[in-house]
Amino acid sequence: MLQSITEKLAALGLNLPAAAEAKGNYLPYTISGNLLSLSGTLPIKQGALIAGRIGGDLSVEQGYEAARWCFLNALAHIRVATDDFRRFGRVLHIDGFVNGVDGFADAPKVVNGASDLSVELFGDAGKHSRVALSSNGLPLNAAVETRVLVELDA
């Protein structure tokens, strides 16, 4: 599956980044049974954090792009945890947190960036349940943060 994911990413003009190390006293992911739970992932694009508040510093479209980068960075951990996607089953759930201005109500439009990329790469196995919330602050002033839950193949 790695080849097809790599090919799909290349067709989208994207490369899979290296899996980032945890920045605190936590693990980037844990596995229990057939569930892979990823820690929150920030929108790191080519080594730089996409920061700012959606609806203020950044547009909904820029937030959508930031959410895509969150999922792309989560995908780097999924690759490591699933032995180059060999144990990947499906994306079960995505929590999306949007650093929005007060009263920002378009968090679902922003988090669609992660959801759309999941489905573009994995098809039906990328369809998932989801939460999309707006917050008035995220770590390092990140524009978006996502948390992903994946089902593993046995």
N, C-alpha and C. Protein backbone atom coordinates (compact mmCIF):
# COMPACT_ATOMS: atom_id res chain seq x y z
N MET A 1 0.82 -1.19 0.00
CA MET A 1 0.00 0.00 0.00
C MET A 1 0.86 1.26 0.00
N LEU A 2 2.09 1.19 0.53
CA LEU A 2 2.96 2.36 0.57
C LEU A 2 3.14 2.96 -0.80
N GLN A 3 3.37 2.12 -1.81
CA GLN A 3 3.58 2.62 -3.16
C GLN A 3 2.36 3.41 -3.63
N SER A 4 1.17 2.87 -3.43
CA SER A 4 -0.01 3.57 -3.91
C SER A 4 -0.24 4.87 -3.14
N ILE A 5 0.03 4.88 -1.85
CA ILE A 5 -0.10 6.11 -1.06
C ILE A 5 0.92 7.13 -1.54
N THR A 6 2.16 6.69 -1.75
CA THR A 6 3.21 7.58 -2.24
C THR A 6 2.83 8.15 -3.60
N GLU A 7 2.29 7.30 -4.48
CA GLU A 7 1.87 7.74 -5.81
C GLU A 7 0.72 8.75 -5.71
N LYS A 8 -0.25 8.47 -4.85
CA LYS A 8 -1.38 9.39 -4.69
C LYS A 8 -0.92 10.73 -4.14
N LEU A 9 0.00 10.70 -3.18
CA LEU A 9 0.54 11.94 -2.63
C LEU A 9 1.27 12.73 -3.71
N ALA A 10 2.10 12.03 -4.50
CA ALA A 10 2.85 12.69 -5.57
C ALA A 10 1.90 13.34 -6.58
N ALA A 11 0.81 12.65 -6.90
CA ALA A 11 -0.18 13.20 -7.83
C ALA A 11 -0.81 14.48 -7.28
N LEU A 12 -0.87 14.59 -5.96
CA LEU A 12 -1.41 15.78 -5.31
C LEU A 12 -0.33 16.84 -5.06
N GLY A 13 0.91 16.53 -5.47
CA GLY A 13 2.02 17.46 -5.25
C GLY A 13 2.52 17.45 -3.82
N LEU A 14 2.31 16.34 -3.11
CA LEU A 14 2.70 16.24 -1.70
C LEU A 14 3.71 15.12 -1.49
N ASN A 15 4.54 15.27 -0.49
CA ASN A 15 5.45 14.23 -0.05
C ASN A 15 5.16 13.90 1.40
N LEU A 16 5.35 12.64 1.76
CA LEU A 16 5.15 12.24 3.14
C LEU A 16 6.31 12.76 3.99
N PRO A 17 6.03 13.60 4.99
CA PRO A 17 7.12 14.10 5.84
C PRO A 17 7.61 13.01 6.79
N ALA A 18 8.74 13.26 7.43
CA ALA A 18 9.23 12.36 8.47
C ALA A 18 8.32 12.51 9.69
N ALA A 19 8.15 11.43 10.43
CA ALA A 19 7.35 11.46 11.65
C ALA A 19 8.08 12.29 12.70
N ALA A 20 7.40 13.29 13.22
CA ALA A 20 8.00 14.18 14.22
C ALA A 20 8.09 13.49 15.57
N GLU A 21 9.07 13.88 16.35
CA GLU A 21 9.21 13.36 17.71
C GLU A 21 8.26 14.12 18.63
N ALA A 22 7.86 13.46 19.70
CA ALA A 22 7.01 14.11 20.70
C ALA A 22 7.77 15.27 21.33
N LYS A 23 7.06 16.35 21.63
CA LYS A 23 7.68 17.54 22.21
C LYS A 23 7.45 17.64 23.71
N GLY A 24 7.02 16.54 24.34
CA GLY A 24 6.75 16.55 25.77
C GLY A 24 6.71 15.13 26.29
N ASN A 25 6.14 14.97 27.46
CA ASN A 25 6.08 13.67 28.13
C ASN A 25 4.84 12.90 27.67
N TYR A 26 4.84 12.53 26.42
CA TYR A 26 3.76 11.74 25.83
C TYR A 26 4.32 10.99 24.63
N LEU A 27 3.54 10.08 24.10
CA LEU A 27 3.93 9.32 22.91
C LEU A 27 3.22 9.88 21.70
N PRO A 28 3.86 9.84 20.52
CA PRO A 28 3.18 10.32 19.32
C PRO A 28 1.96 9.47 18.96
N TYR A 29 2.00 8.20 19.36
CA TYR A 29 0.86 7.32 19.14
C TYR A 29 0.95 6.15 20.10
N THR A 30 -0.19 5.50 20.30
CA THR A 30 -0.25 4.26 21.07
C THR A 30 -1.10 3.26 20.29
N ILE A 31 -0.82 1.98 20.55
CA ILE A 31 -1.59 0.91 19.93
C ILE A 31 -2.14 0.03 21.04
N SER A 32 -3.43 -0.25 20.97
CA SER A 32 -4.08 -1.18 21.89
C SER A 32 -4.97 -2.08 21.05
N GLY A 33 -4.66 -3.36 21.04
CA GLY A 33 -5.41 -4.28 20.20
C GLY A 33 -5.30 -3.88 18.75
N ASN A 34 -6.44 -3.61 18.11
CA ASN A 34 -6.41 -3.22 16.71
C ASN A 34 -6.68 -1.72 16.52
N LEU A 35 -6.45 -0.93 17.58
CA LEU A 35 -6.66 0.51 17.50
C LEU A 35 -5.34 1.26 17.61
N LEU A 36 -5.14 2.18 16.70
CA LEU A 36 -4.00 3.09 16.70
C LEU A 36 -4.54 4.47 17.01
N SER A 37 -4.10 5.03 18.12
CA SER A 37 -4.53 6.35 18.55
C SER A 37 -3.35 7.31 18.44
N LEU A 38 -3.52 8.34 17.62
CA LEU A 38 -2.45 9.32 17.43
C LEU A 38 -2.67 10.51 18.34
N SER A 39 -1.58 11.05 18.85
CA SER A 39 -1.65 12.30 19.61
C SER A 39 -2.01 13.43 18.66
N GLY A 40 -2.31 14.58 19.22
CA GLY A 40 -2.63 15.73 18.40
C GLY A 40 -1.49 16.05 17.44
N THR A 41 -1.85 16.39 16.22
CA THR A 41 -0.87 16.70 15.17
C THR A 41 -1.10 18.12 14.69
N LEU A 42 -0.02 18.87 14.60
CA LEU A 42 -0.08 20.27 14.17
C LEU A 42 0.21 20.38 12.67
N PRO A 43 -0.15 21.52 12.07
CA PRO A 43 0.08 21.70 10.64
C PRO A 43 1.50 22.19 10.35
N ILE A 44 2.40 21.25 10.21
CA ILE A 44 3.79 21.57 9.88
C ILE A 44 3.94 21.37 8.38
N LYS A 45 4.24 22.44 7.67
CA LYS A 45 4.41 22.40 6.21
C LYS A 45 5.87 22.70 5.90
N GLN A 46 6.57 21.69 5.40
CA GLN A 46 7.97 21.82 5.02
C GLN A 46 8.79 22.46 6.16
N GLY A 47 8.57 21.95 7.37
CA GLY A 47 9.34 22.38 8.53
C GLY A 47 8.83 23.62 9.24
N ALA A 48 7.80 24.26 8.72
CA ALA A 48 7.29 25.50 9.34
C ALA A 48 5.85 25.30 9.80
N LEU A 49 5.56 25.79 10.99
CA LEU A 49 4.21 25.71 11.55
C LEU A 49 3.29 26.71 10.86
N ILE A 50 2.11 26.26 10.45
CA ILE A 50 1.08 27.17 9.96
C ILE A 50 0.35 27.68 11.19
N ALA A 51 0.55 28.95 11.51
CA ALA A 51 0.03 29.52 12.74
C ALA A 51 -0.92 30.66 12.44
N GLY A 52 -1.78 30.95 13.41
CA GLY A 52 -2.69 32.08 13.31
C GLY A 52 -4.13 31.64 13.55
N ARG A 53 -4.98 32.63 13.68
CA ARG A 53 -6.39 32.38 13.97
C ARG A 53 -7.20 32.46 12.68
N ILE A 54 -8.02 31.43 12.47
CA ILE A 54 -8.87 31.38 11.28
C ILE A 54 -10.00 32.40 11.47
N GLY A 55 -10.27 33.15 10.42
CA GLY A 55 -11.27 34.21 10.50
C GLY A 55 -10.64 35.53 10.91
N GLY A 56 -9.36 35.52 11.18
CA GLY A 56 -8.60 36.73 11.54
C GLY A 56 -7.34 36.78 10.70
N ASP A 57 -6.30 36.12 11.21
CA ASP A 57 -5.01 36.07 10.51
C ASP A 57 -5.09 35.26 9.22
N LEU A 58 -5.92 34.21 9.23
CA LEU A 58 -6.00 33.27 8.12
C LEU A 58 -7.45 33.09 7.66
N SER A 59 -7.61 32.80 6.37
CA SER A 59 -8.94 32.55 5.81
C SER A 59 -9.36 31.11 6.06
N VAL A 60 -10.62 30.83 5.79
CA VAL A 60 -11.12 29.46 5.88
C VAL A 60 -10.33 28.56 4.92
N GLU A 61 -10.02 29.06 3.74
CA GLU A 61 -9.26 28.29 2.76
C GLU A 61 -7.85 27.97 3.27
N GLN A 62 -7.21 28.92 3.92
CA GLN A 62 -5.89 28.68 4.51
C GLN A 62 -6.00 27.68 5.66
N GLY A 63 -7.09 27.75 6.41
CA GLY A 63 -7.32 26.78 7.47
C GLY A 63 -7.53 25.38 6.91
N TYR A 64 -8.25 25.28 5.81
CA TYR A 64 -8.46 24.00 5.13
C TYR A 64 -7.10 23.39 4.75
N GLU A 65 -6.23 24.21 4.20
CA GLU A 65 -4.89 23.74 3.83
C GLU A 65 -4.10 23.31 5.07
N ALA A 66 -4.23 24.05 6.15
CA ALA A 66 -3.55 23.68 7.40
C ALA A 66 -4.06 22.33 7.90
N ALA A 67 -5.36 22.08 7.80
CA ALA A 67 -5.91 20.80 8.23
C ALA A 67 -5.38 19.66 7.36
N ARG A 68 -5.19 19.91 6.08
CA ARG A 68 -4.58 18.89 5.20
C ARG A 68 -3.17 18.55 5.70
N TRP A 69 -2.43 19.58 6.09
CA TRP A 69 -1.06 19.33 6.59
C TRP A 69 -1.08 18.61 7.93
N CYS A 70 -2.08 18.87 8.75
CA CYS A 70 -2.22 18.09 9.99
C CYS A 70 -2.36 16.61 9.65
N PHE A 71 -3.26 16.29 8.72
CA PHE A 71 -3.47 14.89 8.37
C PHE A 71 -2.23 14.30 7.72
N LEU A 72 -1.55 15.07 6.90
CA LEU A 72 -0.33 14.57 6.26
C LEU A 72 0.73 14.24 7.31
N ASN A 73 0.86 15.07 8.34
CA ASN A 73 1.81 14.79 9.41
C ASN A 73 1.36 13.60 10.26
N ALA A 74 0.06 13.45 10.46
CA ALA A 74 -0.45 12.26 11.16
C ALA A 74 -0.15 11.02 10.34
N LEU A 75 -0.26 11.14 9.03
CA LEU A 75 0.01 10.03 8.13
C LEU A 75 1.44 9.52 8.27
N ALA A 76 2.36 10.41 8.57
CA ALA A 76 3.76 9.99 8.79
C ALA A 76 3.84 9.04 9.98
N HIS A 77 3.09 9.31 11.04
CA HIS A 77 3.06 8.42 12.20
C HIS A 77 2.30 7.13 11.88
N ILE A 78 1.23 7.25 11.11
CA ILE A 78 0.49 6.06 10.71
C ILE A 78 1.41 5.12 9.93
N ARG A 79 2.21 5.69 9.05
CA ARG A 79 3.16 4.88 8.27
C ARG A 79 4.10 4.11 9.20
N VAL A 80 4.67 4.78 10.18
CA VAL A 80 5.60 4.14 11.11
C VAL A 80 4.88 3.06 11.92
N ALA A 81 3.71 3.39 12.44
CA ALA A 81 2.98 2.47 13.33
C ALA A 81 2.43 1.25 12.60
N THR A 82 2.20 1.37 11.30
CA THR A 82 1.58 0.27 10.55
C THR A 82 2.56 -0.45 9.64
N ASP A 83 3.86 -0.25 9.87
CA ASP A 83 4.88 -0.91 9.06
C ASP A 83 4.66 -0.59 7.58
N ASP A 84 4.81 0.67 7.25
CA ASP A 84 4.62 1.16 5.88
C ASP A 84 3.22 0.86 5.34
N PHE A 85 2.23 1.04 6.19
CA PHE A 85 0.81 0.88 5.86
C PHE A 85 0.36 -0.57 5.70
N ARG A 86 1.25 -1.52 5.97
CA ARG A 86 0.86 -2.93 5.81
C ARG A 86 -0.25 -3.33 6.79
N ARG A 87 -0.27 -2.73 7.98
CA ARG A 87 -1.31 -3.06 8.97
C ARG A 87 -2.45 -2.05 8.97
N PHE A 88 -2.42 -1.10 8.07
CA PHE A 88 -3.47 -0.09 8.01
C PHE A 88 -4.79 -0.75 7.63
N GLY A 89 -5.82 -0.45 8.39
CA GLY A 89 -7.15 -0.95 8.08
C GLY A 89 -8.03 0.15 7.53
N ARG A 90 -8.29 1.16 8.40
CA ARG A 90 -9.11 2.29 7.98
C ARG A 90 -9.00 3.42 8.99
N VAL A 91 -9.33 4.61 8.55
CA VAL A 91 -9.44 5.76 9.45
C VAL A 91 -10.81 5.68 10.09
N LEU A 92 -10.84 5.63 11.42
CA LEU A 92 -12.11 5.54 12.15
C LEU A 92 -12.67 6.91 12.52
N HIS A 93 -11.79 7.81 12.98
CA HIS A 93 -12.27 9.06 13.55
C HIS A 93 -11.20 10.14 13.45
N ILE A 94 -11.64 11.36 13.21
CA ILE A 94 -10.75 12.53 13.25
C ILE A 94 -11.38 13.58 14.15
N ASP A 95 -10.62 14.04 15.14
CA ASP A 95 -11.01 15.21 15.93
C ASP A 95 -10.26 16.39 15.33
N GLY A 96 -10.97 17.43 14.99
CA GLY A 96 -10.34 18.64 14.44
C GLY A 96 -10.60 19.83 15.33
N PHE A 97 -9.53 20.50 15.70
CA PHE A 97 -9.60 21.68 16.55
C PHE A 97 -9.07 22.87 15.75
N VAL A 98 -9.88 23.90 15.64
CA VAL A 98 -9.56 25.06 14.81
C VAL A 98 -9.32 26.26 15.71
N ASN A 99 -8.22 26.94 15.50
CA ASN A 99 -7.88 28.15 16.24
C ASN A 99 -8.63 29.30 15.57
N GLY A 100 -9.88 29.49 15.99
CA GLY A 100 -10.73 30.48 15.35
C GLY A 100 -10.90 31.73 16.19
N VAL A 101 -11.28 32.80 15.51
CA VAL A 101 -11.60 34.04 16.23
C VAL A 101 -12.88 33.79 17.03
N ASP A 102 -13.15 34.64 18.00
CA ASP A 102 -14.36 34.50 18.81
C ASP A 102 -15.58 34.42 17.90
N GLY A 103 -16.42 33.42 18.16
CA GLY A 103 -17.63 33.24 17.38
C GLY A 103 -17.43 32.53 16.05
N PHE A 104 -16.25 32.03 15.76
CA PHE A 104 -15.99 31.37 14.48
C PHE A 104 -16.84 30.10 14.38
N ALA A 105 -17.66 30.02 13.34
CA ALA A 105 -18.63 28.92 13.22
C ALA A 105 -18.34 27.99 12.04
N ASP A 106 -17.24 28.18 11.34
CA ASP A 106 -16.94 27.38 10.15
C ASP A 106 -15.87 26.32 10.38
N ALA A 107 -15.73 25.85 11.61
CA ALA A 107 -14.74 24.81 11.89
C ALA A 107 -14.93 23.58 10.99
N PRO A 108 -16.17 23.14 10.72
CA PRO A 108 -16.32 21.98 9.84
C PRO A 108 -15.71 22.20 8.45
N LYS A 109 -15.84 23.40 7.90
CA LYS A 109 -15.25 23.70 6.58
C LYS A 109 -13.74 23.59 6.63
N VAL A 110 -13.14 24.00 7.73
CA VAL A 110 -11.69 23.92 7.88
C VAL A 110 -11.25 22.46 8.02
N VAL A 111 -11.91 21.71 8.89
CA VAL A 111 -11.52 20.32 9.16
C VAL A 111 -11.77 19.43 7.95
N ASN A 112 -12.62 19.89 7.02
CA ASN A 112 -12.79 19.15 5.77
C ASN A 112 -11.44 18.94 5.06
N GLY A 113 -10.47 19.80 5.30
CA GLY A 113 -9.15 19.62 4.70
C GLY A 113 -8.54 18.28 5.07
N ALA A 114 -8.65 17.90 6.33
CA ALA A 114 -8.13 16.60 6.78
C ALA A 114 -9.02 15.47 6.27
N SER A 115 -10.33 15.65 6.38
CA SER A 115 -11.26 14.60 5.96
C SER A 115 -11.14 14.33 4.46
N ASP A 116 -11.09 15.39 3.67
CA ASP A 116 -10.99 15.21 2.22
C ASP A 116 -9.70 14.49 1.84
N LEU A 117 -8.58 14.83 2.47
CA LEU A 117 -7.32 14.15 2.16
C LEU A 117 -7.38 12.68 2.56
N SER A 118 -8.00 12.38 3.68
CA SER A 118 -8.15 10.99 4.11
C SER A 118 -8.88 10.17 3.05
N VAL A 119 -9.96 10.72 2.52
CA VAL A 119 -10.75 9.99 1.52
C VAL A 119 -10.02 9.96 0.17
N GLU A 120 -9.33 11.04 -0.19
CA GLU A 120 -8.55 11.05 -1.43
C GLU A 120 -7.50 9.94 -1.43
N LEU A 121 -6.88 9.71 -0.28
CA LEU A 121 -5.80 8.73 -0.21
C LEU A 121 -6.29 7.30 0.00
N PHE A 122 -7.33 7.12 0.80
CA PHE A 122 -7.75 5.78 1.20
C PHE A 122 -9.12 5.36 0.67
N GLY A 123 -9.81 6.22 -0.05
CA GLY A 123 -11.13 5.87 -0.55
C GLY A 123 -12.08 5.57 0.60
N ASP A 124 -12.87 4.51 0.48
CA ASP A 124 -13.83 4.16 1.53
C ASP A 124 -13.16 3.92 2.88
N ALA A 125 -11.92 3.42 2.87
CA ALA A 125 -11.19 3.19 4.13
C ALA A 125 -10.76 4.50 4.78
N GLY A 126 -10.91 5.60 4.08
CA GLY A 126 -10.60 6.91 4.65
C GLY A 126 -11.81 7.63 5.21
N LYS A 127 -13.02 7.10 4.96
CA LYS A 127 -14.23 7.73 5.49
C LYS A 127 -14.33 7.45 6.99
N HIS A 128 -14.72 8.44 7.76
CA HIS A 128 -14.60 8.37 9.22
C HIS A 128 -15.67 9.21 9.91
N SER A 129 -15.82 8.99 11.19
CA SER A 129 -16.61 9.90 12.02
C SER A 129 -15.71 11.06 12.40
N ARG A 130 -16.31 12.14 12.93
CA ARG A 130 -15.49 13.33 13.13
C ARG A 130 -16.11 14.29 14.13
N VAL A 131 -15.23 15.07 14.74
CA VAL A 131 -15.61 16.23 15.53
C VAL A 131 -14.84 17.42 14.96
N ALA A 132 -15.51 18.55 14.81
CA ALA A 132 -14.86 19.78 14.33
C ALA A 132 -15.25 20.91 15.28
N LEU A 133 -14.28 21.38 16.04
CA LEU A 133 -14.53 22.40 17.07
C LEU A 133 -13.67 23.63 16.84
N SER A 134 -14.21 24.76 17.17
CA SER A 134 -13.44 25.99 17.15
C SER A 134 -13.01 26.30 18.57
N SER A 135 -11.78 26.78 18.70
CA SER A 135 -11.20 27.11 20.00
C SER A 135 -10.61 28.51 19.90
N ASN A 136 -10.40 29.15 21.02
CA ASN A 136 -9.76 30.47 20.95
C ASN A 136 -8.27 30.39 21.27
N GLY A 137 -7.68 29.23 21.05
CA GLY A 137 -6.24 29.08 21.21
C GLY A 137 -5.81 27.64 21.10
N LEU A 138 -4.70 27.40 20.41
CA LEU A 138 -4.12 26.07 20.28
C LEU A 138 -2.62 26.16 20.56
N PRO A 139 -1.96 25.03 20.83
CA PRO A 139 -0.53 25.06 21.12
C PRO A 139 0.28 25.79 20.04
N LEU A 140 1.18 26.62 20.47
CA LEU A 140 2.08 27.38 19.59
C LEU A 140 1.32 28.28 18.61
N ASN A 141 0.07 28.59 18.92
CA ASN A 141 -0.80 29.38 18.05
C ASN A 141 -1.06 28.69 16.71
N ALA A 142 -0.98 27.34 16.70
CA ALA A 142 -1.24 26.58 15.48
C ALA A 142 -2.63 26.90 14.96
N ALA A 143 -2.78 26.92 13.64
CA ALA A 143 -4.07 27.21 13.03
C ALA A 143 -5.08 26.09 13.27
N VAL A 144 -4.59 24.84 13.26
CA VAL A 144 -5.43 23.66 13.40
C VAL A 144 -4.64 22.60 14.13
N GLU A 145 -5.34 21.72 14.81
CA GLU A 145 -4.75 20.52 15.39
C GLU A 145 -5.74 19.38 15.15
N THR A 146 -5.21 18.22 14.77
CA THR A 146 -6.08 17.06 14.59
C THR A 146 -5.59 15.91 15.45
N ARG A 147 -6.53 15.04 15.77
CA ARG A 147 -6.24 13.78 16.46
C ARG A 147 -6.95 12.70 15.67
N VAL A 148 -6.23 11.62 15.36
CA VAL A 148 -6.74 10.59 14.46
C VAL A 148 -6.76 9.24 15.16
N LEU A 149 -7.81 8.48 14.90
CA LEU A 149 -7.95 7.12 15.41
C LEU A 149 -8.06 6.20 14.19
N VAL A 150 -7.22 5.16 14.15
CA VAL A 150 -7.14 4.25 13.01
C VAL A 150 -7.38 2.82 13.47
N GLU A 151 -8.10 2.07 12.66
CA GLU A 151 -8.25 0.64 12.90
C GLU A 151 -7.15 -0.09 12.13
N LEU A 152 -6.50 -1.02 12.81
CA LEU A 152 -5.43 -1.80 12.19
C LEU A 152 -5.96 -3.12 11.69
N ASP A 153 -5.37 -3.61 10.61
CA ASP A 153 -5.64 -4.98 10.17
C ASP A 153 -4.88 -5.93 11.09
N ALA A 154 -5.43 -7.10 11.28
CA ALA A 154 -4.79 -8.10 12.16
C ALA A 154 -3.51 -8.62 11.55
